[in-house]
Amino acid sequence: MSGKGNCYDNAVVETFFKTIKAELIWRDTWNTRRHAEMAIFHYINGFYNPRRRHSALGWKSPIAFERKVA
């Protein structure tokens, strides 16, 4: 889409999509779109934000990082 450092760079979002695909999407199947939506919601709000550690945040979860910064 654009070069590195450009405000239109999608690297963070592309990394998130790669992670959710590897850790959730490719590991399971769902009968309905609603079940898939709920699984994604629970992944993001139940695991990715509160517990999953991120190297860019000093190996803290996003919620723990925000608590420390605030």
C-alpha atoms as a PDB file:
ATOM      1  CA  MET A   1       0.000   0.000   0.000  1.00  0.00           C
ATOM      2  CA  SER A   2       2.754   2.454   0.908  1.00  0.00           C
ATOM      3  CA  GLY A   3       6.352   2.606   2.063  1.00  0.00           C
ATOM      4  CA  LYS A   4       7.713   2.025   5.540  1.00  0.00           C
ATOM      5  CA  GLY A   5       7.139   4.950   7.884  1.00  0.00           C
ATOM      6  CA  ASN A   6       4.270   6.310   5.823  1.00  0.00           C
ATOM      7  CA  CYS A   7       1.092   7.041   7.747  1.00  0.00           C
ATOM      8  CA  TYR A   8      -0.727   4.542   5.525  1.00  0.00           C
ATOM      9  CA  ASP A   9       1.553   1.653   6.541  1.00  0.00           C
ATOM     10  CA  ASN A  10      -0.510  -1.369   7.631  1.00  0.00           C
ATOM     11  CA  ALA A  11       2.246  -3.412   9.317  1.00  0.00           C
ATOM     12  CA  VAL A  12       0.589  -3.492  12.758  1.00  0.00           C
ATOM     13  CA  VAL A  13      -2.790  -4.568  11.407  1.00  0.00           C
ATOM     14  CA  GLU A  14      -1.228  -7.115   9.045  1.00  0.00           C
ATOM     15  CA  THR A  15       0.682  -8.629  11.973  1.00  0.00           C
ATOM     16  CA  PHE A  16      -2.518  -8.837  14.023  1.00  0.00           C
ATOM     17  CA  PHE A  17      -4.380 -10.557  11.177  1.00  0.00           C
ATOM     18  CA  LYS A  18      -1.514 -13.055  10.754  1.00  0.00           C
ATOM     19  CA  THR A  19      -1.601 -13.803  14.478  1.00  0.00           C
ATOM     20  CA  ILE A  20      -5.371 -14.270  14.723  1.00  0.00           C
ATOM     21  CA  LYS A  21      -5.354 -16.515  11.670  1.00  0.00           C
ATOM     22  CA  ALA A  22      -2.570 -18.711  13.057  1.00  0.00           C
ATOM     23  CA  GLU A  23      -3.896 -18.872  16.626  1.00  0.00           C
ATOM     24  CA  LEU A  24      -7.646 -19.096  15.961  1.00  0.00           C
ATOM     25  CA  ILE A  25      -8.999 -19.092  12.413  1.00  0.00           C
ATOM     26  CA  TRP A  26      -6.949 -21.911  10.877  1.00  0.00           C
ATOM     27  CA  ARG A  27      -7.408 -24.139  13.961  1.00  0.00           C
ATOM     28  CA  ASP A  28     -11.190 -24.367  14.003  1.00  0.00           C
ATOM     29  CA  THR A  29     -14.347 -24.267  11.904  1.00  0.00           C
ATOM     30  CA  TRP A  30     -17.731 -22.795  12.776  1.00  0.00           C
ATOM     31  CA  ASN A  31     -21.226 -23.702  11.649  1.00  0.00           C
ATOM     32  CA  THR A  32     -22.444 -20.116  11.336  1.00  0.00           C
ATOM     33  CA  ARG A  33     -21.027 -16.665  10.846  1.00  0.00           C
ATOM     34  CA  ARG A  34     -22.376 -15.749  14.296  1.00  0.00           C
ATOM     35  CA  HIS A  35     -20.319 -18.524  15.941  1.00  0.00           C
ATOM     36  CA  ALA A  36     -17.201 -17.288  14.113  1.00  0.00           C
ATOM     37  CA  GLU A  37     -17.876 -13.704  15.211  1.00  0.00           C
ATOM     38  CA  MET A  38     -18.283 -14.795  18.834  1.00  0.00           C
ATOM     39  CA  ALA A  39     -15.065 -16.839  18.706  1.00  0.00           C
ATOM     40  CA  ILE A  40     -13.158 -13.840  17.345  1.00  0.00           C
ATOM     41  CA  PHE A  41     -14.708 -11.551  19.971  1.00  0.00           C
ATOM     42  CA  HIS A  42     -13.729 -13.944  22.778  1.00  0.00           C
ATOM     43  CA  TYR A  43     -10.224 -14.340  21.337  1.00  0.00           C
ATOM     44  CA  ILE A  44      -9.617 -10.588  21.261  1.00  0.00           C
ATOM     45  CA  ASN A  45     -11.302  -9.658  24.556  1.00  0.00           C
ATOM     46  CA  GLY A  46     -10.596 -12.839  26.498  1.00  0.00           C
ATOM     47  CA  PHE A  47      -7.057 -13.667  25.413  1.00  0.00           C
ATOM     48  CA  TYR A  48      -5.324 -11.245  23.034  1.00  0.00           C
ATOM     49  CA  ASN A  49      -5.790  -8.042  25.028  1.00  0.00           C
ATOM     50  CA  PRO A  50      -5.784  -9.262  28.654  1.00  0.00           C
ATOM     51  CA  ARG A  51      -3.274 -12.145  28.546  1.00  0.00           C
ATOM     52  CA  ARG A  52      -1.236 -12.457  25.343  1.00  0.00           C
ATOM     53  CA  ARG A  53       2.196 -10.880  25.727  1.00  0.00           C
ATOM     54  CA  HIS A  54       3.547  -8.629  22.971  1.00  0.00           C
ATOM     55  CA  SER A  55       7.202  -8.041  22.207  1.00  0.00           C
ATOM     56  CA  ALA A  56       6.524  -4.437  21.157  1.00  0.00           C
ATOM     57  CA  LEU A  57       5.095  -3.740  24.633  1.00  0.00           C
ATOM     58  CA  GLY A  58       8.049  -5.124  26.576  1.00  0.00           C
ATOM     59  CA  TRP A  59       6.461  -8.588  26.793  1.00  0.00           C
ATOM     60  CA  LYS A  60       3.374  -7.268  28.574  1.00  0.00           C
ATOM     61  CA  SER A  61      -0.247  -7.718  27.579  1.00  0.00           C
ATOM     62  CA  PRO A  62      -1.948  -4.622  26.116  1.00  0.00           C
ATOM     63  CA  ILE A  63      -4.087  -4.215  29.244  1.00  0.00           C
ATOM     64  CA  ALA A  64      -1.073  -4.533  31.603  1.00  0.00           C
ATOM     65  CA  PHE A  65       0.847  -2.058  29.430  1.00  0.00           C
ATOM     66  CA  GLU A  66      -1.988   0.480  29.566  1.00  0.00           C
ATOM     67  CA  ARG A  67      -2.246   0.123  33.355  1.00  0.00           C
ATOM     68  CA  LYS A  68       1.473   0.800  33.724  1.00  0.00           C
ATOM     69  CA  VAL A  69       1.422   3.815  31.403  1.00  0.00           C
ATOM     70  CA  ALA A  70      -1.734   5.398  32.858  1.00  0.00           C
END
